[in-house]
Amino acid sequence: MKHVLVISAGLIHPTIKARLYLSSLLFELPDYTYHFTTDVEDLCLLTPGRYSSVILFLQQSRISKSALKSLEMFITKGGGLLALHHASSCFEKHPVYRDIIGGRSISKEAVKPFSVEPRSARYQIFSSPKRFVIQDAQLIHEINNEAEIHYETNFTDIISPVVWSNKYFLGKVVYCSLGHCATVLKNISVNRIIKESLDWTCSQLPEKRENSSISNSLVNPV
């Protein structure tokens, strides 16, 4: 079993319904157990021997130095990170967070349908990637040179990344911009992206079999 810390917080960004849909999706995936929390300070719990990856689904500006340092060290030593939607706009006063994620959102488009196109990439994260159409609020990003775009869309003749990966020392990071509208998390293509992204971010670390005390924590599954 791979153990994942899920920090999912918000009433509007993200919505409670979106957080519930994400939780439901995660529980459908085999071979994973989760610790759900709404507190970003629980990043201090991260150690590569205890968790394989962390999922961030929130929009927040404040974080303690100790929590951010814990996240950085976890990724540096080989832990994984899956960041969703507004997670790319978090902690804007901390440049190291942008380095970990691989980019930062700079604006947001209105909710509307748009086409998401796969793009060739070095890292083979997604099996049989295909074009799909989704209705959501797409974020516009500046991304680091090291980030690898896997899916993109076109807004007013500007190519905007939708999904990218980033290697941060020994760690693997995937960011997906989708998730403003809760129904997006019911989309088959988006579900596949989340599943395969989580698989990839967890693939860096070997399982630690002796740590069998961690199970699904339902203290706050949303």
C-alpha atoms as a PDB file:
ATOM      1  CA  MET A   1       0.000   0.000   0.000  1.00  0.00           C
ATOM      2  CA  LYS A   2       1.102   3.537  -0.774  1.00  0.00           C
ATOM      3  CA  HIS A   3       0.188   6.213   1.753  1.00  0.00           C
ATOM      4  CA  VAL A   4      -0.840   9.672   0.578  1.00  0.00           C
ATOM      5  CA  LEU A   5      -1.362  12.894   2.523  1.00  0.00           C
ATOM      6  CA  VAL A   6      -4.318  14.811   1.055  1.00  0.00           C
ATOM      7  CA  ILE A   7      -4.655  18.491   1.987  1.00  0.00           C
ATOM      8  CA  SER A   8      -8.046  19.529   0.667  1.00  0.00           C
ATOM      9  CA  ALA A   9      -9.477  22.795   1.976  1.00  0.00           C
ATOM     10  CA  GLY A  10     -11.904  25.506   0.963  1.00  0.00           C
ATOM     11  CA  LEU A  11     -15.554  26.495   0.660  1.00  0.00           C
ATOM     12  CA  ILE A  12     -15.431  28.209  -2.744  1.00  0.00           C
ATOM     13  CA  HIS A  13     -11.910  27.556  -4.104  1.00  0.00           C
ATOM     14  CA  PRO A  14     -12.228  24.632  -4.226  1.00  0.00           C
ATOM     15  CA  THR A  15     -15.893  24.044  -3.485  1.00  0.00           C
ATOM     16  CA  ILE A  16     -17.010  21.513  -0.911  1.00  0.00           C
ATOM     17  CA  LYS A  17     -18.633  19.477  -3.691  1.00  0.00           C
ATOM     18  CA  ALA A  18     -15.374  19.420  -5.668  1.00  0.00           C
ATOM     19  CA  ARG A  19     -13.499  18.241  -2.590  1.00  0.00           C
ATOM     20  CA  LEU A  20     -16.062  15.490  -2.015  1.00  0.00           C
ATOM     21  CA  TYR A  21     -15.788  14.372  -5.647  1.00  0.00           C
ATOM     22  CA  LEU A  22     -11.995  14.227  -5.334  1.00  0.00           C
ATOM     23  CA  SER A  23     -12.266  12.138  -2.166  1.00  0.00           C
ATOM     24  CA  SER A  24     -14.676   9.739  -3.870  1.00  0.00           C
ATOM     25  CA  LEU A  25     -12.337   9.365  -6.831  1.00  0.00           C
ATOM     26  CA  LEU A  26      -9.332   8.659  -4.622  1.00  0.00           C
ATOM     27  CA  PHE A  27     -11.160   5.948  -2.696  1.00  0.00           C
ATOM     28  CA  GLU A  28     -11.838   4.153  -5.976  1.00  0.00           C
ATOM     29  CA  LEU A  29      -8.117   3.713  -6.605  1.00  0.00           C
ATOM     30  CA  PRO A  30      -6.589   0.439  -5.412  1.00  0.00           C
ATOM     31  CA  ASP A  31      -3.300   0.208  -3.543  1.00  0.00           C
ATOM     32  CA  TYR A  32      -3.632   3.574  -1.769  1.00  0.00           C
ATOM     33  CA  THR A  33      -4.545   4.716   1.724  1.00  0.00           C
ATOM     34  CA  TYR A  34      -5.046   8.349   2.658  1.00  0.00           C
ATOM     35  CA  HIS A  35      -4.759  10.816   5.493  1.00  0.00           C
ATOM     36  CA  PHE A  36      -7.178  13.675   4.775  1.00  0.00           C
ATOM     37  CA  THR A  37      -6.710  17.061   6.392  1.00  0.00           C
ATOM     38  CA  THR A  38      -7.642  20.704   5.830  1.00  0.00           C
ATOM     39  CA  ASP A  39      -4.583  22.076   7.620  1.00  0.00           C
ATOM     40  CA  VAL A  40      -1.580  22.994   5.467  1.00  0.00           C
ATOM     41  CA  GLU A  41       0.572  22.813   8.587  1.00  0.00           C
ATOM     42  CA  ASP A  42       0.145  19.043   8.472  1.00  0.00           C
ATOM     43  CA  LEU A  43       2.848  19.161   5.796  1.00  0.00           C
ATOM     44  CA  CYS A  44       5.115  18.889   8.820  1.00  0.00           C
ATOM     45  CA  LEU A  45       4.017  15.227   8.990  1.00  0.00           C
ATOM     46  CA  LEU A  46       5.695  14.459   5.677  1.00  0.00           C
ATOM     47  CA  THR A  47       8.548  11.990   5.648  1.00  0.00           C
ATOM     48  CA  PRO A  48       9.464   9.725   2.711  1.00  0.00           C
ATOM     49  CA  GLY A  49       9.205   6.670   4.964  1.00  0.00           C
ATOM     50  CA  ARG A  50       5.657   7.479   6.006  1.00  0.00           C
ATOM     51  CA  TYR A  51       4.102   8.881   2.825  1.00  0.00           C
ATOM     52  CA  SER A  52       4.703   8.284  -0.860  1.00  0.00           C
ATOM     53  CA  SER A  53       3.046  11.468  -2.097  1.00  0.00           C
ATOM     54  CA  VAL A  54       0.997  14.502  -1.110  1.00  0.00           C
ATOM     55  CA  ILE A  55      -2.037  15.966  -2.903  1.00  0.00           C
ATOM     56  CA  LEU A  56      -2.767  19.696  -2.623  1.00  0.00           C
ATOM     57  CA  PHE A  57      -6.278  20.879  -3.521  1.00  0.00           C
ATOM     58  CA  LEU A  58      -6.663  24.318  -1.971  1.00  0.00           C
ATOM     59  CA  GLN A  59      -6.137  28.038  -2.415  1.00  0.00           C
ATOM     60  CA  GLN A  60      -4.179  29.568   0.422  1.00  0.00           C
ATOM     61  CA  SER A  61      -1.528  32.238   0.817  1.00  0.00           C
ATOM     62  CA  ARG A  62      -0.148  31.544   4.283  1.00  0.00           C
ATOM     63  CA  ILE A  63       2.201  28.758   5.276  1.00  0.00           C
ATOM     64  CA  SER A  64       4.759  28.490   8.057  1.00  0.00           C
ATOM     65  CA  LYS A  65       8.443  28.220   7.257  1.00  0.00           C
ATOM     66  CA  SER A  66       8.550  24.807   8.934  1.00  0.00           C
ATOM     67  CA  ALA A  67       5.662  23.415   6.862  1.00  0.00           C
ATOM     68  CA  LEU A  68       7.142  24.696   3.592  1.00  0.00           C
ATOM     69  CA  LYS A  69      10.564  23.356   4.536  1.00  0.00           C
ATOM     70  CA  SER A  70       9.033  19.972   5.309  1.00  0.00           C
ATOM     71  CA  LEU A  71       7.389  19.885   1.860  1.00  0.00           C
ATOM     72  CA  GLU A  72      10.624  20.914   0.162  1.00  0.00           C
ATOM     73  CA  MET A  73      12.684  18.267   1.964  1.00  0.00           C
ATOM     74  CA  PHE A  74      10.066  15.595   1.292  1.00  0.00           C
ATOM     75  CA  ILE A  75      10.137  16.293  -2.455  1.00  0.00           C
ATOM     76  CA  THR A  76      13.924  16.723  -2.519  1.00  0.00           C
ATOM     77  CA  LYS A  77      14.414  13.259  -1.018  1.00  0.00           C
ATOM     78  CA  GLY A  78      12.093  11.545  -3.489  1.00  0.00           C
ATOM     79  CA  GLY A  79       8.543  12.181  -2.315  1.00  0.00           C
ATOM     80  CA  GLY A  80       5.799  12.986  -4.802  1.00  0.00           C
ATOM     81  CA  LEU A  81       3.379  15.878  -5.204  1.00  0.00           C
ATOM     82  CA  LEU A  82       0.118  16.163  -7.147  1.00  0.00           C
ATOM     83  CA  ALA A  83      -1.133  19.759  -7.164  1.00  0.00           C
ATOM     84  CA  LEU A  84      -4.600  20.615  -8.458  1.00  0.00           C
ATOM     85  CA  HIS A  85      -6.166  23.810  -9.808  1.00  0.00           C
ATOM     86  CA  HIS A  86      -5.542  26.806  -7.491  1.00  0.00           C
ATOM     87  CA  ALA A  87      -2.659  25.044  -5.757  1.00  0.00           C
ATOM     88  CA  SER A  88      -0.490  26.823  -8.330  1.00  0.00           C
ATOM     89  CA  SER A  89      -1.477  30.198  -6.866  1.00  0.00           C
ATOM     90  CA  CYS A  90      -0.693  29.311  -3.250  1.00  0.00           C
ATOM     91  CA  PHE A  91       2.120  30.732  -1.114  1.00  0.00           C
ATOM     92  CA  GLU A  92       3.072  33.417  -3.631  1.00  0.00           C
ATOM     93  CA  LYS A  93       5.561  35.007  -1.232  1.00  0.00           C
ATOM     94  CA  HIS A  94       7.707  31.875  -1.271  1.00  0.00           C
ATOM     95  CA  PRO A  95       9.698  31.397  -4.531  1.00  0.00           C
ATOM     96  CA  VAL A  96      10.749  27.883  -3.499  1.00  0.00           C
ATOM     97  CA  TYR A  97       7.131  26.750  -3.799  1.00  0.00           C
ATOM     98  CA  ARG A  98       7.044  27.860  -7.430  1.00  0.00           C
ATOM     99  CA  ASP A  99      10.291  25.976  -8.015  1.00  0.00           C
ATOM    100  CA  ILE A 100       8.727  22.823  -6.579  1.00  0.00           C
ATOM    101  CA  ILE A 101       5.466  23.121  -8.523  1.00  0.00           C
ATOM    102  CA  GLY A 102       7.199  24.215 -11.714  1.00  0.00           C
ATOM    103  CA  GLY A 103       5.155  27.358 -12.349  1.00  0.00           C
ATOM    104  CA  ARG A 104       2.596  29.830 -11.045  1.00  0.00           C
ATOM    105  CA  SER A 105      -0.832  31.006 -12.158  1.00  0.00           C
ATOM    106  CA  ILE A 106      -1.034  34.635 -13.249  1.00  0.00           C
ATOM    107  CA  SER A 107      -4.700  34.966 -14.294  1.00  0.00           C
ATOM    108  CA  LYS A 108      -7.950  33.047 -14.666  1.00  0.00           C
ATOM    109  CA  GLU A 109     -10.374  32.768 -17.568  1.00  0.00           C
ATOM    110  CA  ALA A 110     -14.164  32.631 -17.173  1.00  0.00           C
ATOM    111  CA  VAL A 111     -15.862  29.238 -17.033  1.00  0.00           C
ATOM    112  CA  LYS A 112     -16.449  27.997 -20.583  1.00  0.00           C
ATOM    113  CA  PRO A 113     -15.904  24.889 -22.709  1.00  0.00           C
ATOM    114  CA  PHE A 114     -12.427  24.399 -24.122  1.00  0.00           C
ATOM    115  CA  SER A 115     -10.419  21.690 -25.823  1.00  0.00           C
ATOM    116  CA  VAL A 116      -7.557  19.984 -23.991  1.00  0.00           C
ATOM    117  CA  GLU A 117      -4.900  18.629 -26.324  1.00  0.00           C
ATOM    118  CA  PRO A 118      -2.167  16.083 -25.448  1.00  0.00           C
ATOM    119  CA  ARG A 119       1.424  17.029 -26.159  1.00  0.00           C
ATOM    120  CA  SER A 120       4.514  14.888 -26.630  1.00  0.00           C
ATOM    121  CA  ALA A 121       6.707  14.759 -23.543  1.00  0.00           C
ATOM    122  CA  ARG A 122       9.823  13.005 -22.286  1.00  0.00           C
ATOM    123  CA  TYR A 123       8.165  11.474 -19.246  1.00  0.00           C
ATOM    124  CA  GLN A 124       5.668   8.766 -20.145  1.00  0.00           C
ATOM    125  CA  ILE A 125       3.118   9.441 -17.412  1.00  0.00           C
ATOM    126  CA  PHE A 126      -0.126   9.030 -19.334  1.00  0.00           C
ATOM    127  CA  SER A 127      -1.203   5.970 -21.275  1.00  0.00           C
ATOM    128  CA  SER A 128      -2.863   6.701 -24.632  1.00  0.00           C
ATOM    129  CA  PRO A 129      -3.415  10.446 -24.013  1.00  0.00           C
ATOM    130  CA  LYS A 130      -6.304  11.815 -26.058  1.00  0.00           C
ATOM    131  CA  ARG A 131      -7.958  15.129 -26.788  1.00  0.00           C
ATOM    132  CA  PHE A 132     -11.062  15.959 -24.745  1.00  0.00           C
ATOM    133  CA  VAL A 133     -13.395  18.910 -24.227  1.00  0.00           C
ATOM    134  CA  ILE A 134     -14.144  20.203 -20.736  1.00  0.00           C
ATOM    135  CA  GLN A 135     -16.056  23.113 -19.209  1.00  0.00           C
ATOM    136  CA  ASP A 136     -14.040  24.761 -16.484  1.00  0.00           C
ATOM    137  CA  ALA A 137     -12.206  27.954 -15.531  1.00  0.00           C
ATOM    138  CA  GLN A 138      -8.750  27.597 -17.022  1.00  0.00           C
ATOM    139  CA  LEU A 139      -5.845  29.243 -15.229  1.00  0.00           C
ATOM    140  CA  ILE A 140      -3.151  31.012 -17.233  1.00  0.00           C
ATOM    141  CA  HIS A 141       0.355  30.173 -16.058  1.00  0.00           C
ATOM    142  CA  GLU A 142       3.983  31.092 -16.269  1.00  0.00           C
ATOM    143  CA  ILE A 143       5.952  27.864 -16.065  1.00  0.00           C
ATOM    144  CA  ASN A 144       9.610  27.156 -15.396  1.00  0.00           C
ATOM    145  CA  ASN A 145      11.878  26.002 -18.189  1.00  0.00           C
ATOM    146  CA  GLU A 146      12.347  22.625 -16.518  1.00  0.00           C
ATOM    147  CA  ALA A 147       8.613  21.833 -16.455  1.00  0.00           C
ATOM    148  CA  GLU A 148       7.296  19.403 -19.072  1.00  0.00           C
ATOM    149  CA  ILE A 149       3.864  20.116 -20.579  1.00  0.00           C
ATOM    150  CA  HIS A 150       1.646  17.058 -21.169  1.00  0.00           C
ATOM    151  CA  TYR A 151      -1.703  18.697 -21.974  1.00  0.00           C
ATOM    152  CA  GLU A 152      -2.437  22.199 -23.210  1.00  0.00           C
ATOM    153  CA  THR A 153      -5.226  24.426 -24.518  1.00  0.00           C
ATOM    154  CA  ASN A 154      -5.499  27.516 -26.670  1.00  0.00           C
ATOM    155  CA  PHE A 155      -6.961  30.755 -25.301  1.00  0.00           C
ATOM    156  CA  THR A 156      -7.178  33.671 -27.731  1.00  0.00           C
ATOM    157  CA  ASP A 157      -4.175  32.345 -29.646  1.00  0.00           C
ATOM    158  CA  ILE A 158      -2.160  31.825 -26.456  1.00  0.00           C
ATOM    159  CA  ILE A 159      -1.085  28.259 -25.700  1.00  0.00           C
ATOM    160  CA  SER A 160      -1.751  27.555 -22.031  1.00  0.00           C
ATOM    161  CA  PRO A 161      -0.568  24.435 -20.168  1.00  0.00           C
ATOM    162  CA  VAL A 162      -3.243  22.329 -18.499  1.00  0.00           C
ATOM    163  CA  VAL A 163      -1.075  19.511 -17.121  1.00  0.00           C
ATOM    164  CA  TRP A 164       2.674  19.575 -16.582  1.00  0.00           C
ATOM    165  CA  SER A 165       5.268  17.558 -14.706  1.00  0.00           C
ATOM    166  CA  ASN A 166       8.336  18.748 -12.866  1.00  0.00           C
ATOM    167  CA  LYS A 167      11.322  16.978 -11.356  1.00  0.00           C
ATOM    168  CA  TYR A 168      12.599  18.594  -8.161  1.00  0.00           C
ATOM    169  CA  PHE A 169      15.836  16.875  -7.153  1.00  0.00           C
ATOM    170  CA  LEU A 170      14.709  13.253  -6.524  1.00  0.00           C
ATOM    171  CA  GLY A 171      10.998  14.077  -6.341  1.00  0.00           C
ATOM    172  CA  LYS A 172       8.277  13.906  -8.974  1.00  0.00           C
ATOM    173  CA  VAL A 173       5.611  16.612  -9.274  1.00  0.00           C
ATOM    174  CA  VAL A 174       2.503  16.839 -11.450  1.00  0.00           C
ATOM    175  CA  TYR A 175       0.255  19.877 -11.693  1.00  0.00           C
ATOM    176  CA  CYS A 176      -3.262  19.842 -13.240  1.00  0.00           C
ATOM    177  CA  SER A 177      -5.097  23.143 -13.684  1.00  0.00           C
ATOM    178  CA  LEU A 178      -8.582  21.577 -13.812  1.00  0.00           C
ATOM    179  CA  GLY A 179     -10.966  21.484 -10.849  1.00  0.00           C
ATOM    180  CA  HIS A 180     -12.771  24.814 -10.584  1.00  0.00           C
ATOM    181  CA  CYS A 181     -16.117  23.202 -11.469  1.00  0.00           C
ATOM    182  CA  ALA A 182     -16.925  20.182  -9.328  1.00  0.00           C
ATOM    183  CA  THR A 183     -18.338  18.236 -12.288  1.00  0.00           C
ATOM    184  CA  VAL A 184     -14.872  18.260 -13.875  1.00  0.00           C
ATOM    185  CA  LEU A 185     -13.836  15.698 -11.269  1.00  0.00           C
ATOM    186  CA  LYS A 186     -16.477  13.324 -12.657  1.00  0.00           C
ATOM    187  CA  ASN A 187     -14.996  13.494 -16.157  1.00  0.00           C
ATOM    188  CA  ILE A 188     -13.418  10.207 -17.275  1.00  0.00           C
ATOM    189  CA  SER A 189     -10.416  11.896 -18.921  1.00  0.00           C
ATOM    190  CA  VAL A 190      -9.722  14.036 -15.855  1.00  0.00           C
ATOM    191  CA  ASN A 191     -10.069  11.007 -13.576  1.00  0.00           C
ATOM    192  CA  ARG A 192      -7.492   9.182 -15.673  1.00  0.00           C
ATOM    193  CA  ILE A 193      -5.115  12.134 -15.480  1.00  0.00           C
ATOM    194  CA  ILE A 194      -5.403  12.271 -11.679  1.00  0.00           C
ATOM    195  CA  LYS A 195      -4.953   8.509 -11.287  1.00  0.00           C
ATOM    196  CA  GLU A 196      -1.951   8.225 -13.578  1.00  0.00           C
ATOM    197  CA  SER A 197      -0.394  11.379 -12.134  1.00  0.00           C
ATOM    198  CA  LEU A 198      -0.672   9.955  -8.629  1.00  0.00           C
ATOM    199  CA  ASP A 199       0.819   6.657  -9.790  1.00  0.00           C
ATOM    200  CA  TRP A 200       3.790   8.499 -11.300  1.00  0.00           C
ATOM    201  CA  THR A 201       4.439  10.732  -8.295  1.00  0.00           C
ATOM    202  CA  CYS A 202       4.423   7.659  -6.049  1.00  0.00           C
ATOM    203  CA  SER A 203       6.705   5.593  -8.271  1.00  0.00           C
ATOM    204  CA  GLN A 204       9.891   7.191  -6.965  1.00  0.00           C
ATOM    205  CA  LEU A 205       9.674   5.672  -3.504  1.00  0.00           C
ATOM    206  CA  PRO A 206       9.809   2.006  -2.510  1.00  0.00           C
ATOM    207  CA  GLU A 207       7.120   0.829  -0.141  1.00  0.00           C
ATOM    208  CA  LYS A 208       8.030   0.687   3.519  1.00  0.00           C
ATOM    209  CA  ARG A 209       6.292  -2.492   4.585  1.00  0.00           C
ATOM    210  CA  GLU A 210       6.900  -2.185   8.284  1.00  0.00           C
ATOM    211  CA  ASN A 211       4.843   1.007   8.438  1.00  0.00           C
ATOM    212  CA  SER A 212       1.481  -0.728   8.418  1.00  0.00           C
ATOM    213  CA  SER A 213      -0.257   1.392  11.060  1.00  0.00           C
ATOM    214  CA  ILE A 214      -1.378   4.083   8.626  1.00  0.00           C
ATOM    215  CA  SER A 215      -4.887   3.573   7.239  1.00  0.00           C
ATOM    216  CA  ASN A 216      -7.541   5.730   5.641  1.00  0.00           C
ATOM    217  CA  SER A 217      -8.064   8.638   8.011  1.00  0.00           C
ATOM    218  CA  LEU A 218     -11.611   9.922   7.721  1.00  0.00           C
ATOM    219  CA  VAL A 219     -11.293  12.706  10.270  1.00  0.00           C
ATOM    220  CA  ASN A 220     -12.085  15.100   7.439  1.00  0.00           C
ATOM    221  CA  PRO A 221     -12.394  13.349   4.055  1.00  0.00           C
ATOM    222  CA  VAL A 222     -13.281  16.625   2.346  1.00  0.00           C
END
